[in-house]
Amino acid sequence: MAQIVADAELAKQLSALDGPVTIVDASGTVLAVCTPPVRFPHTPYSREEIDARRTEARENPGAGRKLADFWKEFLAAQGGAP
């Protein structure tokens, strides 16, 4: 992917945005339509906790629930039928 380095003024304008933006030249010709990167919320788990859960899942592959069972229980709790 090509990369454009924004000068200080453009970077300031872009950082203030919270949604998509159309970039145009002085005559109004559309140069680009950009969307901000997706910013995921910070996880409440530490790197060590995540690594421990992954290790446990690898070492005990049958310990979890099947997705079909999860959905069945979830829908039942919502009052719906599978």
C-alpha atoms as a PDB file:
ATOM      1  CA  MET A   1       0.000   0.000   0.000  1.00  0.00           C
ATOM      2  CA  ALA A   2       1.296   3.446  -0.844  1.00  0.00           C
ATOM      3  CA  GLN A   3       1.898   5.862   1.988  1.00  0.00           C
ATOM      4  CA  ILE A   4       1.608   9.651   2.150  1.00  0.00           C
ATOM      5  CA  VAL A   5       3.284  11.541   4.988  1.00  0.00           C
ATOM      6  CA  ALA A   6       1.041  14.344   6.221  1.00  0.00           C
ATOM      7  CA  ASP A   7       2.579  17.676   7.133  1.00  0.00           C
ATOM      8  CA  ALA A   8       1.813  19.091  10.581  1.00  0.00           C
ATOM      9  CA  GLU A   9      -1.253  21.045   9.420  1.00  0.00           C
ATOM     10  CA  LEU A  10      -2.855  18.105   7.595  1.00  0.00           C
ATOM     11  CA  ALA A  11      -2.066  15.757  10.471  1.00  0.00           C
ATOM     12  CA  LYS A  12      -3.807  18.175  12.863  1.00  0.00           C
ATOM     13  CA  GLN A  13      -6.895  18.325  10.635  1.00  0.00           C
ATOM     14  CA  LEU A  14      -7.047  14.546  10.247  1.00  0.00           C
ATOM     15  CA  SER A  15      -6.569  13.813  13.946  1.00  0.00           C
ATOM     16  CA  ALA A  16      -9.623  15.963  14.752  1.00  0.00           C
ATOM     17  CA  LEU A  17     -11.881  13.826  12.544  1.00  0.00           C
ATOM     18  CA  ASP A  18     -13.985  10.974  13.860  1.00  0.00           C
ATOM     19  CA  GLY A  19     -15.300   9.580  10.581  1.00  0.00           C
ATOM     20  CA  PRO A  20     -14.621   9.258   6.862  1.00  0.00           C
ATOM     21  CA  VAL A  21     -13.207  12.253   4.993  1.00  0.00           C
ATOM     22  CA  THR A  22     -13.018  13.236   1.336  1.00  0.00           C
ATOM     23  CA  ILE A  23      -9.723  14.896   0.388  1.00  0.00           C
ATOM     24  CA  VAL A  24      -9.957  17.364  -2.513  1.00  0.00           C
ATOM     25  CA  ASP A  25      -7.512  19.659  -4.316  1.00  0.00           C
ATOM     26  CA  ALA A  26      -7.911  23.437  -4.629  1.00  0.00           C
ATOM     27  CA  SER A  27     -10.343  23.060  -7.541  1.00  0.00           C
ATOM     28  CA  GLY A  28     -12.539  20.572  -5.670  1.00  0.00           C
ATOM     29  CA  THR A  29     -11.414  17.457  -7.519  1.00  0.00           C
ATOM     30  CA  VAL A  30     -11.664  14.434  -5.268  1.00  0.00           C
ATOM     31  CA  LEU A  31      -8.217  13.020  -4.599  1.00  0.00           C
ATOM     32  CA  ALA A  32      -9.125  10.401  -2.010  1.00  0.00           C
ATOM     33  CA  VAL A  33     -11.811   9.149   0.303  1.00  0.00           C
ATOM     34  CA  CYS A  34     -10.317   7.946   3.561  1.00  0.00           C
ATOM     35  CA  THR A  35     -11.630   6.294   6.669  1.00  0.00           C
ATOM     36  CA  PRO A  36      -9.863   6.420  10.016  1.00  0.00           C
ATOM     37  CA  PRO A  37      -8.246   3.219  11.248  1.00  0.00           C
ATOM     38  CA  VAL A  38     -10.370   1.017  13.464  1.00  0.00           C
ATOM     39  CA  ARG A  39      -9.346   1.573  17.059  1.00  0.00           C
ATOM     40  CA  PHE A  40     -10.186  -1.371  19.232  1.00  0.00           C
ATOM     41  CA  PRO A  41     -10.838  -0.756  22.894  1.00  0.00           C
ATOM     42  CA  HIS A  42      -8.071  -1.766  25.246  1.00  0.00           C
ATOM     43  CA  THR A  43      -8.433  -5.339  26.445  1.00  0.00           C
ATOM     44  CA  PRO A  44      -8.902  -5.806  30.179  1.00  0.00           C
ATOM     45  CA  TYR A  45      -6.562  -8.818  30.035  1.00  0.00           C
ATOM     46  CA  SER A  46      -2.791  -8.653  30.315  1.00  0.00           C
ATOM     47  CA  ARG A  47      -0.557 -10.246  27.691  1.00  0.00           C
ATOM     48  CA  GLU A  48       0.314 -12.937  30.264  1.00  0.00           C
ATOM     49  CA  GLU A  49      -3.374 -13.781  30.862  1.00  0.00           C
ATOM     50  CA  ILE A  50      -4.049 -14.040  27.129  1.00  0.00           C
ATOM     51  CA  ASP A  51      -1.003 -16.272  26.622  1.00  0.00           C
ATOM     52  CA  ALA A  52      -2.088 -18.478  29.553  1.00  0.00           C
ATOM     53  CA  ARG A  53      -5.590 -18.914  28.087  1.00  0.00           C
ATOM     54  CA  ARG A  54      -4.152 -19.782  24.676  1.00  0.00           C
ATOM     55  CA  THR A  55      -1.798 -22.322  26.228  1.00  0.00           C
ATOM     56  CA  GLU A  56      -4.666 -23.867  28.210  1.00  0.00           C
ATOM     57  CA  ALA A  57      -6.816 -24.093  25.084  1.00  0.00           C
ATOM     58  CA  ARG A  58      -4.015 -25.805  23.149  1.00  0.00           C
ATOM     59  CA  GLU A  59      -3.302 -28.268  25.956  1.00  0.00           C
ATOM     60  CA  ASN A  60      -6.991 -29.049  26.637  1.00  0.00           C
ATOM     61  CA  PRO A  61      -8.757 -28.809  23.263  1.00  0.00           C
ATOM     62  CA  GLY A  62     -11.876 -30.645  24.477  1.00  0.00           C
ATOM     63  CA  ALA A  63     -12.412 -28.435  27.521  1.00  0.00           C
ATOM     64  CA  GLY A  64     -14.470 -25.766  25.739  1.00  0.00           C
ATOM     65  CA  ARG A  65     -18.024 -25.731  24.446  1.00  0.00           C
ATOM     66  CA  LYS A  66     -19.102 -26.387  20.893  1.00  0.00           C
ATOM     67  CA  LEU A  67     -20.419 -23.335  19.091  1.00  0.00           C
ATOM     68  CA  ALA A  68     -23.731 -25.079  18.377  1.00  0.00           C
ATOM     69  CA  ASP A  69     -24.194 -25.709  22.115  1.00  0.00           C
ATOM     70  CA  PHE A  70     -23.389 -22.083  22.914  1.00  0.00           C
ATOM     71  CA  TRP A  71     -25.988 -20.801  20.438  1.00  0.00           C
ATOM     72  CA  LYS A  72     -28.590 -23.248  21.693  1.00  0.00           C
ATOM     73  CA  GLU A  73     -28.114 -22.022  25.281  1.00  0.00           C
ATOM     74  CA  PHE A  74     -27.930 -18.378  24.201  1.00  0.00           C
ATOM     75  CA  LEU A  75     -31.149 -18.545  22.192  1.00  0.00           C
ATOM     76  CA  ALA A  76     -32.931 -20.418  24.968  1.00  0.00           C
ATOM     77  CA  ALA A  77     -31.911 -17.695  27.438  1.00  0.00           C
ATOM     78  CA  GLN A  78     -33.280 -15.061  25.035  1.00  0.00           C
ATOM     79  CA  GLY A  79     -36.602 -16.895  24.836  1.00  0.00           C
ATOM     80  CA  GLY A  80     -36.094 -17.902  21.209  1.00  0.00           C
ATOM     81  CA  ALA A  81     -35.892 -21.280  19.599  1.00  0.00           C
ATOM     82  CA  PRO A  82     -32.874 -22.491  17.667  1.00  0.00           C
END
